[in-house]
Amino acid sequence: MKIAIAGGHGQIALLLTRLITDAGHDAVGIVRNPSHVGDVETAGGTALVIDLEQMDDDDLALRLRGVDAVVFAAGGGPNSGADRKLSVDRDGAILLADAAERMGIRRYVMISAMAADTYDPELAQLPAKNEDAVFQIYLRAKSEADANIRARSLRWTIVRPGALLDTPPQGTVVVGRTVPRGSIPRADVAAVVLDALVNDSAIGRQFEVTSGSTPIPAALAALG
């Protein structure tokens, strides 16, 4: 299987790249900055230098030729402004879905955010006036992207992790439409995405996930 990861230089994306290649599949990391190519290659993948904010779906579709599944792991980043929450976290995810459909790529896994649908509509407007407003726009961007993906005929999975940690993976989680607030190692989020792709689990499911006591394959299989 050949899997393209938008936001290929992100921490979860690089962990996922390593897991994908270790499992015997091919990972393609989509990166905006050419200086990030080496990190993708060190993780075992190949890099595709693309700026999602400067490309239309026709051009992106052509670059995805031969890809079997796509993962959206991109984001404007913690220091980006409110505008980029919408142009990357929302519009980039939608662009990837448009391009995937054009190429007949049916499998799409979205890395979203816990409680994305609870954003404050009044705060989540441009221009953002403070840090809390920027965060609400981030949640709005994720929520609107997720809604767009759910409305498509893609074989989609939407993963909404809790607070992200840089600790070693546990391999056990709790998943559900909603789960209590909690945290999860980035490595476990990557493992959840890999299981969804390789085992074709959680098709048409949106779920929150934090660390728990159920092995990842069993947790996702239970979602149906």
Protein backbone atom coordinates (compact mmCIF):
# COMPACT_ATOMS: atom_id res chain seq x y z
CA MET A 1 0.00 0.00 0.00
CA LYS A 2 1.22 3.49 -0.84
CA ILE A 3 0.10 6.09 1.68
CA ALA A 4 0.50 9.86 1.26
CA ILE A 5 0.60 11.99 4.42
CA ALA A 6 -0.20 15.69 4.16
CA GLY A 7 1.81 17.55 6.78
CA GLY A 8 4.54 14.97 6.39
CA HIS A 9 7.04 16.76 8.62
CA GLY A 10 4.78 16.89 11.66
CA GLN A 11 5.67 14.80 14.69
CA ILE A 12 2.78 12.36 14.28
CA ALA A 13 3.41 12.17 10.53
CA LEU A 14 7.07 11.24 10.94
CA LEU A 15 6.18 8.58 13.51
CA LEU A 16 3.51 7.27 11.15
CA THR A 17 5.97 7.23 8.26
CA ARG A 18 8.28 4.97 10.25
CA LEU A 19 5.40 2.66 11.24
CA ILE A 20 4.18 2.44 7.65
CA THR A 21 7.58 1.52 6.26
CA ASP A 22 8.29 -0.92 9.09
CA ALA A 23 5.01 -2.64 8.20
CA GLY A 24 6.21 -3.09 4.62
CA HIS A 25 4.25 -0.30 2.97
CA ASP A 26 5.31 2.90 1.21
CA ALA A 27 4.96 6.31 2.87
CA VAL A 28 4.99 9.60 0.98
CA GLY A 29 5.35 12.68 3.14
CA ILE A 30 3.86 15.83 1.64
CA VAL A 31 5.93 18.78 2.89
CA ARG A 32 5.94 22.49 2.10
CA ASN A 33 9.55 23.22 2.99
CA PRO A 34 12.27 21.54 0.90
CA SER A 35 14.54 21.51 3.95
CA HIS A 36 12.20 18.94 5.53
CA VAL A 37 12.81 16.32 2.82
CA GLY A 38 15.74 14.79 4.69
CA ASP A 39 13.69 14.17 7.85
CA VAL A 40 11.00 12.35 5.86
CA GLU A 41 13.64 10.21 4.19
CA THR A 42 15.33 9.45 7.51
CA ALA A 43 11.96 8.18 8.77
CA GLY A 44 11.87 5.79 5.81
CA GLY A 45 9.54 7.66 3.47
CA THR A 46 9.83 9.60 0.27
CA ALA A 47 9.04 13.31 0.21
CA LEU A 48 6.74 15.24 -2.09
CA VAL A 49 7.32 19.00 -1.91
CA ILE A 50 3.93 20.68 -2.23
CA ASP A 51 2.44 23.83 -0.73
CA LEU A 52 -1.22 23.00 -0.16
CA GLU A 53 -2.04 26.70 0.12
CA GLN A 54 -0.68 27.37 -3.37
CA MET A 55 -2.06 24.40 -5.34
CA ASP A 56 -5.44 23.48 -6.78
CA ASP A 57 -7.02 20.06 -6.63
CA ASP A 58 -6.21 19.22 -10.27
CA ASP A 59 -2.49 19.75 -9.73
CA LEU A 60 -2.50 17.91 -6.42
CA ALA A 61 -4.42 15.00 -7.92
CA LEU A 62 -1.73 14.50 -10.56
CA ARG A 63 0.94 14.41 -7.84
CA LEU A 64 -1.01 11.67 -6.04
CA ARG A 65 -0.85 9.25 -8.95
CA GLY A 66 -0.24 5.70 -7.66
CA VAL A 67 -1.30 6.48 -4.08
CA ASP A 68 -3.74 4.07 -2.40
CA ALA A 69 -4.70 6.09 0.70
CA VAL A 70 -4.21 9.57 2.11
CA VAL A 71 -3.81 10.89 5.64
CA PHE A 72 -4.36 14.51 6.60
CA ALA A 73 -1.94 15.39 9.40
CA ALA A 74 -1.21 18.97 8.38
CA GLY A 75 -1.79 22.09 10.43
CA GLY A 76 -0.97 25.74 10.50
CA GLY A 77 1.13 25.15 13.60
CA PRO A 78 0.93 26.54 17.14
CA ASN A 79 2.44 29.91 16.19
CA SER A 80 0.40 30.48 13.05
CA GLY A 81 -2.31 33.10 12.84
CA ALA A 82 -6.03 32.54 12.67
CA ASP A 83 -6.12 32.85 8.87
CA ARG A 84 -3.86 29.79 8.49
CA LYS A 85 -6.04 27.72 10.80
CA LEU A 86 -8.67 28.01 8.10
CA SER A 87 -6.42 27.90 5.04
CA VAL A 88 -4.45 24.84 6.23
CA ASP A 89 -6.43 22.91 8.86
CA ARG A 90 -9.74 23.27 7.01
CA ASP A 91 -9.09 24.16 3.38
CA GLY A 92 -6.01 21.91 3.10
CA ALA A 93 -8.02 18.91 4.31
CA ILE A 94 -10.78 19.65 1.82
CA LEU A 95 -8.26 20.13 -1.00
CA LEU A 96 -6.72 16.73 -0.24
CA ALA A 97 -10.17 15.12 -0.31
CA ASP A 98 -10.99 16.79 -3.64
CA ALA A 99 -7.72 15.58 -5.13
CA ALA A 100 -8.18 12.08 -3.74
CA GLU A 101 -11.63 11.81 -5.30
CA ARG A 102 -10.29 12.99 -8.65
CA MET A 103 -7.68 10.21 -8.57
CA GLY A 104 -10.11 7.55 -7.37
CA ILE A 105 -8.38 7.27 -3.98
CA ARG A 106 -11.15 6.16 -1.64
CA ARG A 107 -9.34 5.76 1.70
CA TYR A 108 -8.95 8.96 3.72
CA VAL A 109 -7.88 9.25 7.36
CA MET A 110 -8.22 12.63 9.04
CA ILE A 111 -6.33 13.58 12.20
CA SER A 112 -8.64 16.09 13.82
CA ALA A 113 -9.02 17.44 17.36
CA MET A 114 -10.92 16.41 20.44
CA ALA A 115 -14.17 18.34 21.01
CA ALA A 116 -13.81 20.14 17.68
CA ASP A 117 -17.56 20.64 17.39
CA THR A 118 -17.78 22.56 20.67
CA TYR A 119 -16.19 25.75 19.34
CA ASP A 120 -17.71 29.10 20.26
CA PRO A 121 -19.29 30.52 17.05
CA GLU A 122 -18.94 34.10 18.25
CA LEU A 123 -15.24 33.78 19.06
CA ALA A 124 -14.46 31.63 16.03
CA GLN A 125 -14.59 34.49 13.55
CA LEU A 126 -11.94 36.49 11.74
CA PRO A 127 -10.22 38.67 12.73
CA ALA A 128 -9.24 36.89 15.94
CA LYS A 129 -8.61 39.31 18.77
CA ASN A 130 -6.86 37.08 21.31
CA GLU A 131 -5.30 33.67 21.84
CA ASP A 132 -8.58 32.05 22.89
CA ALA A 133 -10.26 33.29 19.73
CA VAL A 134 -7.46 31.78 17.62
CA PHE A 135 -8.00 28.44 19.37
CA GLN A 136 -11.74 28.62 18.70
CA ILE A 137 -11.01 29.26 15.02
CA TYR A 138 -8.72 26.20 15.07
CA LEU A 139 -11.58 24.08 16.46
CA ARG A 140 -13.95 25.58 13.90
CA ALA A 141 -11.51 24.71 11.11
CA LYS A 142 -11.28 21.10 12.27
CA SER A 143 -15.04 20.82 12.74
CA GLU A 144 -15.82 22.19 9.29
CA ALA A 145 -13.19 19.99 7.64
CA ASP A 146 -14.56 16.92 9.42
CA ALA A 147 -18.11 17.74 8.31
CA ASN A 148 -16.94 18.07 4.72
CA ILE A 149 -15.20 14.70 4.84
CA ARG A 150 -18.19 12.97 6.46
CA ALA A 151 -20.44 14.16 3.63
CA ARG A 152 -18.35 12.42 0.96
CA SER A 153 -18.52 8.89 -0.38
CA LEU A 154 -14.89 8.33 0.64
CA ARG A 155 -14.01 5.46 2.95
CA TRP A 156 -13.11 7.91 5.68
CA THR A 157 -11.98 7.69 9.29
CA ILE A 158 -11.77 10.77 11.53
CA VAL A 159 -9.46 10.48 14.53
CA ARG A 160 -9.87 13.08 17.29
CA PRO A 161 -7.05 12.67 19.82
CA GLY A 162 -6.80 14.25 23.24
CA ALA A 163 -3.85 16.29 24.47
CA LEU A 164 -0.72 15.11 22.68
CA LEU A 165 2.33 13.83 24.56
CA ASP A 166 5.89 13.09 23.51
CA THR A 167 6.08 10.05 25.77
CA PRO A 168 6.69 6.45 24.64
CA PRO A 169 3.70 4.61 23.16
CA GLN A 170 1.48 2.50 25.41
CA GLY A 171 -0.38 0.65 22.70
CA THR A 172 -3.65 0.84 24.64
CA VAL A 173 -6.42 3.41 24.27
CA VAL A 174 -10.02 4.31 24.96
CA VAL A 175 -12.11 5.33 21.95
CA GLY A 176 -15.66 6.53 21.51
CA ARG A 177 -17.82 9.16 19.87
CA THR A 178 -16.87 11.22 22.90
CA VAL A 179 -14.54 10.22 25.74
CA PRO A 180 -13.46 12.01 28.93
CA ARG A 181 -10.75 14.61 28.52
CA GLY A 182 -7.32 13.03 28.58
CA SER A 183 -4.00 12.73 26.82
CA ILE A 184 -2.31 10.33 24.45
CA PRO A 185 1.25 9.87 23.16
CA ARG A 186 1.73 11.03 19.58
CA ALA A 187 3.19 7.58 18.85
CA ASP A 188 -0.13 5.99 19.83
CA VAL A 189 -2.04 8.35 17.55
CA ALA A 190 0.25 7.24 14.72
CA ALA A 191 -0.43 3.60 15.63
CA VAL A 192 -4.18 4.23 15.58
CA VAL A 193 -3.91 5.70 12.09
CA LEU A 194 -1.77 2.79 10.89
CA ASP A 195 -4.26 0.24 12.24
CA ALA A 196 -7.13 2.04 10.54
CA LEU A 197 -5.24 1.92 7.24
CA VAL A 198 -3.71 -1.54 7.32
CA ASN A 199 -6.61 -3.37 8.95
CA ASP A 200 -9.23 -1.27 7.14
CA SER A 201 -10.88 -0.56 10.49
CA ALA A 202 -13.16 2.26 11.64
CA ILE A 203 -14.49 2.93 8.14
CA GLY A 204 -17.07 5.72 8.30
CA ARG A 205 -16.32 6.34 11.97
CA GLN A 206 -15.41 9.53 13.79
CA PHE A 207 -14.05 9.00 17.28
CA GLU A 208 -12.15 10.59 20.12
CA VAL A 209 -9.17 8.73 21.52
CA THR A 210 -7.02 8.99 24.62
CA SER A 211 -4.78 6.58 26.51
CA GLY A 212 -6.71 3.69 28.03
CA SER A 213 -6.58 -0.04 28.68
CA THR A 214 -7.74 -1.57 25.38
CA PRO A 215 -5.17 -2.61 22.75
CA ILE A 216 -5.44 -0.38 19.68
CA PRO A 217 -6.55 -3.10 17.20
CA ALA A 218 -9.31 -4.30 19.53
CA ALA A 219 -10.47 -0.76 20.27
CA LEU A 220 -10.83 0.11 16.60
CA ALA A 221 -12.39 -3.22 15.70
CA ALA A 222 -15.07 -2.60 18.32
CA LEU A 223 -16.11 0.58 16.49
CA GLY A 224 -17.41 -1.59 13.66
